[in-house]
PDB file of all heavy atoms in Angstrom:
ATOM      1  N   LYS A   1      88.582  57.812 168.082  1.00  0.00           N
ATOM      2  CA  LYS A   1      87.959  58.398 166.875  1.00  0.00           C
ATOM      3  C   LYS A   1      87.846  59.909 166.940  1.00  0.00           C
ATOM      4  O   LYS A   1      87.693  60.558 165.908  1.00  0.00           O
ATOM      5  CB  LYS A   1      86.583  57.790 166.672  1.00  0.00           C
ATOM      6  CG  LYS A   1      85.582  58.128 167.790  1.00  0.00           C
ATOM      7  CD  LYS A   1      84.229  57.385 167.521  1.00  0.00           C
ATOM      8  CE  LYS A   1      83.238  57.673 168.599  1.00  0.00           C
ATOM      9  NZ  LYS A   1      81.928  56.992 168.323  1.00  0.00           N
ATOM     10  N   ASN A   2      87.980  60.511 168.103  1.00  0.00           N
ATOM     11  CA  ASN A   2      87.839  61.932 168.214  1.00  0.00           C
ATOM     12  C   ASN A   2      89.194  62.660 168.462  1.00  0.00           C
ATOM     13  O   ASN A   2      89.168  63.846 168.841  1.00  0.00           O
ATOM     14  CB  ASN A   2      86.866  62.276 169.368  1.00  0.00           C
ATOM     15  CG  ASN A   2      85.449  61.912 169.046  1.00  0.00           C
ATOM     16  OD1 ASN A   2      84.989  62.049 167.900  1.00  0.00           O
ATOM     17  ND2 ASN A   2      84.702  61.392 170.028  1.00  0.00           N
ATOM     18  N   ARG A   3      90.268  61.998 168.204  1.00  0.00           N
ATOM     19  CA  ARG A   3      91.571  62.657 168.324  1.00  0.00           C
ATOM     20  C   ARG A   3      92.520  61.948 167.359  1.00  0.00           C
ATOM     21  O   ARG A   3      92.297  60.773 166.976  1.00  0.00           O
ATOM     22  CB  ARG A   3      92.137  62.564 169.717  1.00  0.00           C
ATOM     23  CG  ARG A   3      92.380  61.158 170.263  1.00  0.00           C
ATOM     24  CD  ARG A   3      92.924  61.165 171.655  1.00  0.00           C
ATOM     25  NE  ARG A   3      93.027  59.822 172.208  1.00  0.00           N
ATOM     26  CZ  ARG A   3      93.388  59.563 173.478  1.00  0.00           C
ATOM     27  NH1 ARG A   3      93.711  60.554 174.286  1.00  0.00           N
ATOM     28  NH2 ARG A   3      93.459  58.315 173.917  1.00  0.00           N
ATOM     29  N   PRO A   4      93.618  62.602 166.932  1.00  0.00           N
ATOM     30  CA  PRO A   4      94.545  62.002 165.996  1.00  0.00           C
ATOM     31  C   PRO A   4      95.205  60.772 166.655  1.00  0.00           C
ATOM     32  O   PRO A   4      95.587  60.846 167.814  1.00  0.00           O
ATOM     33  CB  PRO A   4      95.559  63.099 165.696  1.00  0.00           C
ATOM     34  CG  PRO A   4      94.849  64.370 166.098  1.00  0.00           C
ATOM     35  CD  PRO A   4      93.930  64.025 167.237  1.00  0.00           C
ATOM     36  N   PHE A   5      95.347  59.720 165.856  1.00  0.00           N
ATOM     37  CA  PHE A   5      96.015  58.535 166.439  1.00  0.00           C
ATOM     38  C   PHE A   5      96.944  57.932 165.386  1.00  0.00           C
ATOM     39  O   PHE A   5      96.729  58.091 164.147  1.00  0.00           O
ATOM     40  CB  PHE A   5      94.999  57.499 166.903  1.00  0.00           C
ATOM     41  CG  PHE A   5      94.122  56.888 165.860  1.00  0.00           C
ATOM     42  CD1 PHE A   5      94.561  55.810 165.062  1.00  0.00           C
ATOM     43  CD2 PHE A   5      92.890  57.374 165.612  1.00  0.00           C
ATOM     44  CE1 PHE A   5      93.752  55.230 164.102  1.00  0.00           C
ATOM     45  CE2 PHE A   5      92.042  56.893 164.620  1.00  0.00           C
ATOM     46  CZ  PHE A   5      92.479  55.781 163.850  1.00  0.00           C
ATOM     47  N   PHE A   6      97.955  57.231 165.890  1.00  0.00           N
ATOM     48  CA  PHE A   6      98.865  56.463 165.036  1.00  0.00           C
ATOM     49  C   PHE A   6      98.862  55.020 165.533  1.00  0.00           C
ATOM     50  O   PHE A   6      99.164  54.750 166.669  1.00  0.00           O
ATOM     51  CB  PHE A   6     100.288  57.049 165.077  1.00  0.00           C
ATOM     52  CG  PHE A   6     101.375  56.097 164.494  1.00  0.00           C
ATOM     53  CD1 PHE A   6     101.180  55.541 163.259  1.00  0.00           C
ATOM     54  CD2 PHE A   6     102.546  55.867 165.175  1.00  0.00           C
ATOM     55  CE1 PHE A   6     102.144  54.744 162.687  1.00  0.00           C
ATOM     56  CE2 PHE A   6     103.539  55.094 164.613  1.00  0.00           C
ATOM     57  CZ  PHE A   6     103.334  54.493 163.320  1.00  0.00           C
ATOM     58  N   LEU A   7      98.392  54.101 164.688  1.00  0.00           N
ATOM     59  CA  LEU A   7      98.316  52.692 164.991  1.00  0.00           C
ATOM     60  C   LEU A   7      99.300  51.955 164.125  1.00  0.00           C
ATOM     61  O   LEU A   7      99.231  51.983 162.910  1.00  0.00           O
ATOM     62  CB  LEU A   7      96.890  52.176 164.736  1.00  0.00           C
ATOM     63  CG  LEU A   7      96.746  50.660 164.809  1.00  0.00           C
ATOM     64  CD1 LEU A   7      97.083  50.123 166.203  1.00  0.00           C
ATOM     65  CD2 LEU A   7      95.316  50.278 164.440  1.00  0.00           C
ATOM     66  N   TYR A   8     100.240  51.257 164.763  1.00  0.00           N
ATOM     67  CA  TYR A   8     101.181  50.389 164.087  1.00  0.00           C
ATOM     68  C   TYR A   8     100.775  48.959 164.336  1.00  0.00           C
ATOM     69  O   TYR A   8     100.934  48.404 165.408  1.00  0.00           O
ATOM     70  CB  TYR A   8     102.611  50.663 164.648  1.00  0.00           C
ATOM     71  CG  TYR A   8     103.651  49.718 164.114  1.00  0.00           C
ATOM     72  CD1 TYR A   8     103.655  49.155 162.848  1.00  0.00           C
ATOM     73  CD2 TYR A   8     104.791  49.433 164.936  1.00  0.00           C
ATOM     74  CE1 TYR A   8     104.658  48.312 162.408  1.00  0.00           C
ATOM     75  CE2 TYR A   8     105.802  48.611 164.510  1.00  0.00           C
ATOM     76  CZ  TYR A   8     105.753  48.054 163.237  1.00  0.00           C
ATOM     77  OH  TYR A   8     106.765  47.255 162.796  1.00  0.00           O
ATOM     78  N   LEU A   9     100.103  48.365 163.329  1.00  0.00           N
ATOM     79  CA  LEU A   9      99.608  46.981 163.403  1.00  0.00           C
ATOM     80  C   LEU A   9     100.648  46.092 162.693  1.00  0.00           C
ATOM     81  O   LEU A   9     100.681  46.005 161.481  1.00  0.00           O
ATOM     82  CB  LEU A   9      98.218  46.836 162.781  1.00  0.00           C
ATOM     83  CG  LEU A   9      97.641  45.421 162.582  1.00  0.00           C
ATOM     84  CD1 LEU A   9      97.692  44.669 163.913  1.00  0.00           C
ATOM     85  CD2 LEU A   9      96.281  45.482 161.997  1.00  0.00           C
ATOM     86  N   ALA A  10     101.476  45.444 163.483  1.00  0.00           N
ATOM     87  CA  ALA A  10     102.592  44.647 162.975  1.00  0.00           C
ATOM     88  C   ALA A  10     102.248  43.167 163.046  1.00  0.00           C
ATOM     89  O   ALA A  10     102.496  42.488 164.069  1.00  0.00           O
ATOM     90  CB  ALA A  10     103.868  44.927 163.778  1.00  0.00           C
ATOM     91  N   HIS A  11     101.623  42.677 161.983  1.00  0.00           N
ATOM     92  CA  HIS A  11     101.145  41.299 161.984  1.00  0.00           C
ATOM     93  C   HIS A  11     102.322  40.303 162.022  1.00  0.00           C
ATOM     94  O   HIS A  11     103.447  40.614 161.508  1.00  0.00           O
ATOM     95  CB  HIS A  11     100.307  41.010 160.726  1.00  0.00           C
ATOM     96  CG  HIS A  11      98.887  41.402 160.916  1.00  0.00           C
ATOM     97  ND1 HIS A  11      98.073  40.870 161.880  1.00  0.00           N
ATOM     98  CD2 HIS A  11      98.101  42.240 160.193  1.00  0.00           C
ATOM     99  CE1 HIS A  11      96.852  41.346 161.748  1.00  0.00           C
ATOM    100  NE2 HIS A  11      96.846  42.192 160.775  1.00  0.00           N
ATOM    101  N   TRP A  12     102.097  39.141 162.601  1.00  0.00           N
ATOM    102  CA  TRP A  12     103.025  38.005 162.548  1.00  0.00           C
ATOM    103  C   TRP A  12     102.794  37.216 161.276  1.00  0.00           C
ATOM    104  O   TRP A  12     103.712  36.607 160.756  1.00  0.00           O
ATOM    105  CB  TRP A  12     102.821  37.155 163.787  1.00  0.00           C
ATOM    106  CG  TRP A  12     103.697  35.961 164.068  1.00  0.00           C
ATOM    107  CD1 TRP A  12     103.263  34.761 164.484  1.00  0.00           C
ATOM    108  CD2 TRP A  12     105.137  35.866 163.997  1.00  0.00           C
ATOM    109  NE1 TRP A  12     104.304  33.898 164.691  1.00  0.00           N
ATOM    110  CE2 TRP A  12     105.457  34.540 164.402  1.00  0.00           C
ATOM    111  CE3 TRP A  12     106.168  36.714 163.628  1.00  0.00           C
ATOM    112  CZ2 TRP A  12     106.809  34.094 164.450  1.00  0.00           C
ATOM    113  CZ3 TRP A  12     107.461  36.259 163.700  1.00  0.00           C
ATOM    114  CH2 TRP A  12     107.771  34.966 164.089  1.00  0.00           C
ATOM    115  N   GLY A  13     101.594  37.205 160.798  1.00  0.00           N
ATOM    116  CA  GLY A  13     101.289  36.504 159.542  1.00  0.00           C
ATOM    117  C   GLY A  13     101.984  37.096 158.352  1.00  0.00           C
ATOM    118  O   GLY A  13     102.006  38.358 158.245  1.00  0.00           O
ATOM    119  N   THR A  14     102.647  36.318 157.537  1.00  0.00           N
ATOM    120  CA  THR A  14     102.485  34.878 157.423  1.00  0.00           C
ATOM    121  C   THR A  14     103.732  34.113 157.795  1.00  0.00           C
ATOM    122  O   THR A  14     104.052  33.070 157.220  1.00  0.00           O
ATOM    123  CB  THR A  14     102.148  34.495 155.945  1.00  0.00           C
ATOM    124  OG1 THR A  14     103.195  35.107 155.081  1.00  0.00           O
ATOM    125  CG2 THR A  14     100.822  35.104 155.508  1.00  0.00           C
ATOM    126  N   HIS A  15     104.454  34.609 158.780  1.00  0.00           N
ATOM    127  CA  HIS A  15     105.654  33.978 159.266  1.00  0.00           C
ATOM    128  C   HIS A  15     105.384  32.570 159.798  1.00  0.00           C
ATOM    129  O   HIS A  15     104.328  32.331 160.342  1.00  0.00           O
ATOM    130  CB  HIS A  15     106.285  34.849 160.365  1.00  0.00           C
ATOM    131  CG  HIS A  15     107.743  34.590 160.652  1.00  0.00           C
ATOM    132  ND1 HIS A  15     108.191  33.407 161.182  1.00  0.00           N
ATOM    133  CD2 HIS A  15     108.831  35.352 160.450  1.00  0.00           C
ATOM    134  CE1 HIS A  15     109.515  33.489 161.354  1.00  0.00           C
ATOM    135  NE2 HIS A  15     109.942  34.636 160.915  1.00  0.00           N
ATOM    136  N   THR A  16     106.336  31.693 159.654  1.00  0.00           N
ATOM    137  CA  THR A  16     106.245  30.359 160.297  1.00  0.00           C
ATOM    138  C   THR A  16     106.347  30.484 161.800  1.00  0.00           C
ATOM    139  O   THR A  16     106.944  31.535 162.265  1.00  0.00           O
ATOM    140  CB  THR A  16     107.384  29.445 159.789  1.00  0.00           C
ATOM    141  OG1 THR A  16     108.656  30.117 159.997  1.00  0.00           O
ATOM    142  CG2 THR A  16     107.196  29.090 158.348  1.00  0.00           C
ATOM    143  N   PRO A  17     105.785  29.594 162.583  1.00  0.00           N
ATOM    144  CA  PRO A  17     105.200  28.332 162.165  1.00  0.00           C
ATOM    145  C   PRO A  17     103.870  28.461 161.451  1.00  0.00           C
ATOM    146  O   PRO A  17     103.088  29.375 161.847  1.00  0.00           O
ATOM    147  CB  PRO A  17     105.073  27.546 163.502  1.00  0.00           C
ATOM    148  CG  PRO A  17     104.891  28.651 164.504  1.00  0.00           C
ATOM    149  CD  PRO A  17     105.739  29.763 164.081  1.00  0.00           C
ATOM    150  N   LEU A  18     103.615  27.625 160.477  1.00  0.00           N
ATOM    151  CA  LEU A  18     102.390  27.736 159.726  1.00  0.00           C
ATOM    152  C   LEU A  18     101.228  27.180 160.531  1.00  0.00           C
ATOM    153  O   LEU A  18     101.162  26.008 160.840  1.00  0.00           O
ATOM    154  CB  LEU A  18     102.510  26.970 158.401  1.00  0.00           C
ATOM    155  CG  LEU A  18     103.628  27.458 157.451  1.00  0.00           C
ATOM    156  CD1 LEU A  18     103.560  26.618 156.144  1.00  0.00           C
ATOM    157  CD2 LEU A  18     103.476  28.951 157.169  1.00  0.00           C
ATOM    158  N   GLN A  19     100.300  28.090 160.887  1.00  0.00           N
ATOM    159  CA  GLN A  19      99.108  27.745 161.616  1.00  0.00           C
ATOM    160  C   GLN A  19      97.913  28.535 161.118  1.00  0.00           C
ATOM    161  O   GLN A  19      98.026  29.779 160.985  1.00  0.00           O
ATOM    162  CB  GLN A  19      99.291  28.040 163.103  1.00  0.00           C
ATOM    163  CG  GLN A  19     100.291  27.185 163.841  1.00  0.00           C
ATOM    164  CD  GLN A  19     100.306  27.500 165.336  1.00  0.00           C
ATOM    165  OE1 GLN A  19     100.767  28.550 165.760  1.00  0.00           O
ATOM    166  NE2 GLN A  19      99.820  26.546 166.119  1.00  0.00           N
ATOM    167  N   ALA A  20      96.848  27.878 160.800  1.00  0.00           N
ATOM    168  CA  ALA A  20      95.667  28.544 160.319  1.00  0.00           C
ATOM    169  C   ALA A  20      94.465  28.116 161.185  1.00  0.00           C
ATOM    170  O   ALA A  20      94.514  27.078 161.834  1.00  0.00           O
ATOM    171  CB  ALA A  20      95.410  28.179 158.855  1.00  0.00           C
ATOM    172  N   THR A  21      93.391  28.908 161.124  1.00  0.00           N
ATOM    173  CA  THR A  21      92.157  28.427 161.742  1.00  0.00           C
ATOM    174  C   THR A  21      91.511  27.344 160.884  1.00  0.00           C
ATOM    175  O   THR A  21      91.662  27.358 159.609  1.00  0.00           O
ATOM    176  CB  THR A  21      91.161  29.546 161.930  1.00  0.00           C
ATOM    177  OG1 THR A  21      90.753  30.052 160.650  1.00  0.00           O
ATOM    178  CG2 THR A  21      91.775  30.699 162.725  1.00  0.00           C
ATOM    179  N   ARG A  22      90.785  26.470 161.486  1.00  0.00           N
ATOM    180  CA  ARG A  22      90.122  25.428 160.690  1.00  0.00           C
ATOM    181  C   ARG A  22      89.135  26.013 159.693  1.00  0.00           C
ATOM    182  O   ARG A  22      88.973  25.509 158.612  1.00  0.00           O
ATOM    183  CB  ARG A  22      89.433  24.441 161.660  1.00  0.00           C
ATOM    184  CG  ARG A  22      88.943  23.162 161.000  1.00  0.00           C
ATOM    185  CD  ARG A  22      88.670  22.109 162.022  1.00  0.00           C
ATOM    186  NE  ARG A  22      89.828  21.755 162.799  1.00  0.00           N
ATOM    187  CZ  ARG A  22      90.810  20.903 162.383  1.00  0.00           C
ATOM    188  NH1 ARG A  22      90.716  20.381 161.153  1.00  0.00           N
ATOM    189  NH2 ARG A  22      91.823  20.624 163.139  1.00  0.00           N
ATOM    190  N   GLU A  23      88.486  27.098 160.088  1.00  0.00           N
ATOM    191  CA  GLU A  23      87.489  27.733 159.203  1.00  0.00           C
ATOM    192  C   GLU A  23      88.195  28.253 157.905  1.00  0.00           C
ATOM    193  O   GLU A  23      87.689  28.042 156.821  1.00  0.00           O
ATOM    194  CB  GLU A  23      86.808  28.902 159.902  1.00  0.00           C
ATOM    195  CG  GLU A  23      85.807  29.648 159.075  1.00  0.00           C
ATOM    196  CD  GLU A  23      85.215  30.865 159.807  1.00  0.00           C
ATOM    197  OE1 GLU A  23      85.543  31.018 160.976  1.00  0.00           O
ATOM    198  OE2 GLU A  23      84.500  31.594 159.140  1.00  0.00           O
ATOM    199  N   ASP A  24      89.342  28.924 158.075  1.00  0.00           N
ATOM    200  CA  ASP A  24      90.053  29.418 156.908  1.00  0.00           C
ATOM    201  C   ASP A  24      90.626  28.263 156.069  1.00  0.00           C
ATOM    202  O   ASP A  24      90.640  28.290 154.852  1.00  0.00           O
ATOM    203  CB  ASP A  24      91.206  30.382 157.297  1.00  0.00           C
ATOM    204  CG  ASP A  24      90.648  31.729 157.717  1.00  0.00           C
ATOM    205  OD1 ASP A  24      89.673  32.176 157.195  1.00  0.00           O
ATOM    206  OD2 ASP A  24      91.309  32.346 158.621  1.00  0.00           O
ATOM    207  N   TYR A  25      91.064  27.243 156.778  1.00  0.00           N
ATOM    208  CA  TYR A  25      91.619  26.065 156.079  1.00  0.00           C
ATOM    209  C   TYR A  25      90.588  25.402 155.184  1.00  0.00           C
ATOM    210  O   TYR A  25      90.830  25.014 154.039  1.00  0.00           O
ATOM    211  CB  TYR A  25      92.142  25.077 157.115  1.00  0.00           C
ATOM    212  CG  TYR A  25      92.798  23.830 156.549  1.00  0.00           C
ATOM    213  CD1 TYR A  25      94.117  23.847 156.040  1.00  0.00           C
ATOM    214  CD2 TYR A  25      92.107  22.609 156.561  1.00  0.00           C
ATOM    215  CE1 TYR A  25      94.715  22.701 155.560  1.00  0.00           C
ATOM    216  CE2 TYR A  25      92.684  21.452 156.069  1.00  0.00           C
ATOM    217  CZ  TYR A  25      93.975  21.491 155.561  1.00  0.00           C
ATOM    218  OH  TYR A  25      94.549  20.357 155.058  1.00  0.00           O
ATOM    219  N   GLU A  26      89.351  25.305 155.708  1.00  0.00           N
ATOM    220  CA  GLU A  26      88.279  24.703 154.912  1.00  0.00           C
ATOM    221  C   GLU A  26      87.848  25.659 153.805  1.00  0.00           C
ATOM    222  O   GLU A  26      87.520  25.190 152.685  1.00  0.00           O
ATOM    223  CB  GLU A  26      87.060  24.407 155.796  1.00  0.00           C
ATOM    224  CG  GLU A  26      87.355  23.345 156.852  1.00  0.00           C
ATOM    225  CD  GLU A  26      87.716  22.001 156.294  1.00  0.00           C
ATOM    226  OE1 GLU A  26      87.255  21.701 155.160  1.00  0.00           O
ATOM    227  OE2 GLU A  26      88.439  21.219 156.980  1.00  0.00           O
ATOM    228  N   ALA A  27      87.925  26.965 154.056  1.00  0.00           N
ATOM    229  CA  ALA A  27      87.394  27.915 153.084  1.00  0.00           C
ATOM    230  C   ALA A  27      88.219  27.986 151.821  1.00  0.00           C
ATOM    231  O   ALA A  27      87.730  28.260 150.730  1.00  0.00           O
ATOM    232  CB  ALA A  27      87.316  29.297 153.698  1.00  0.00           C
TER     233      ALA A  27
END
């Protein structure tokens, strides 16, 4: 937080295989 940063957040979602948490599935 006290210096310049570059963050590359490269999510796998929503690529297969299809897997969700049970909490999100219910929601």
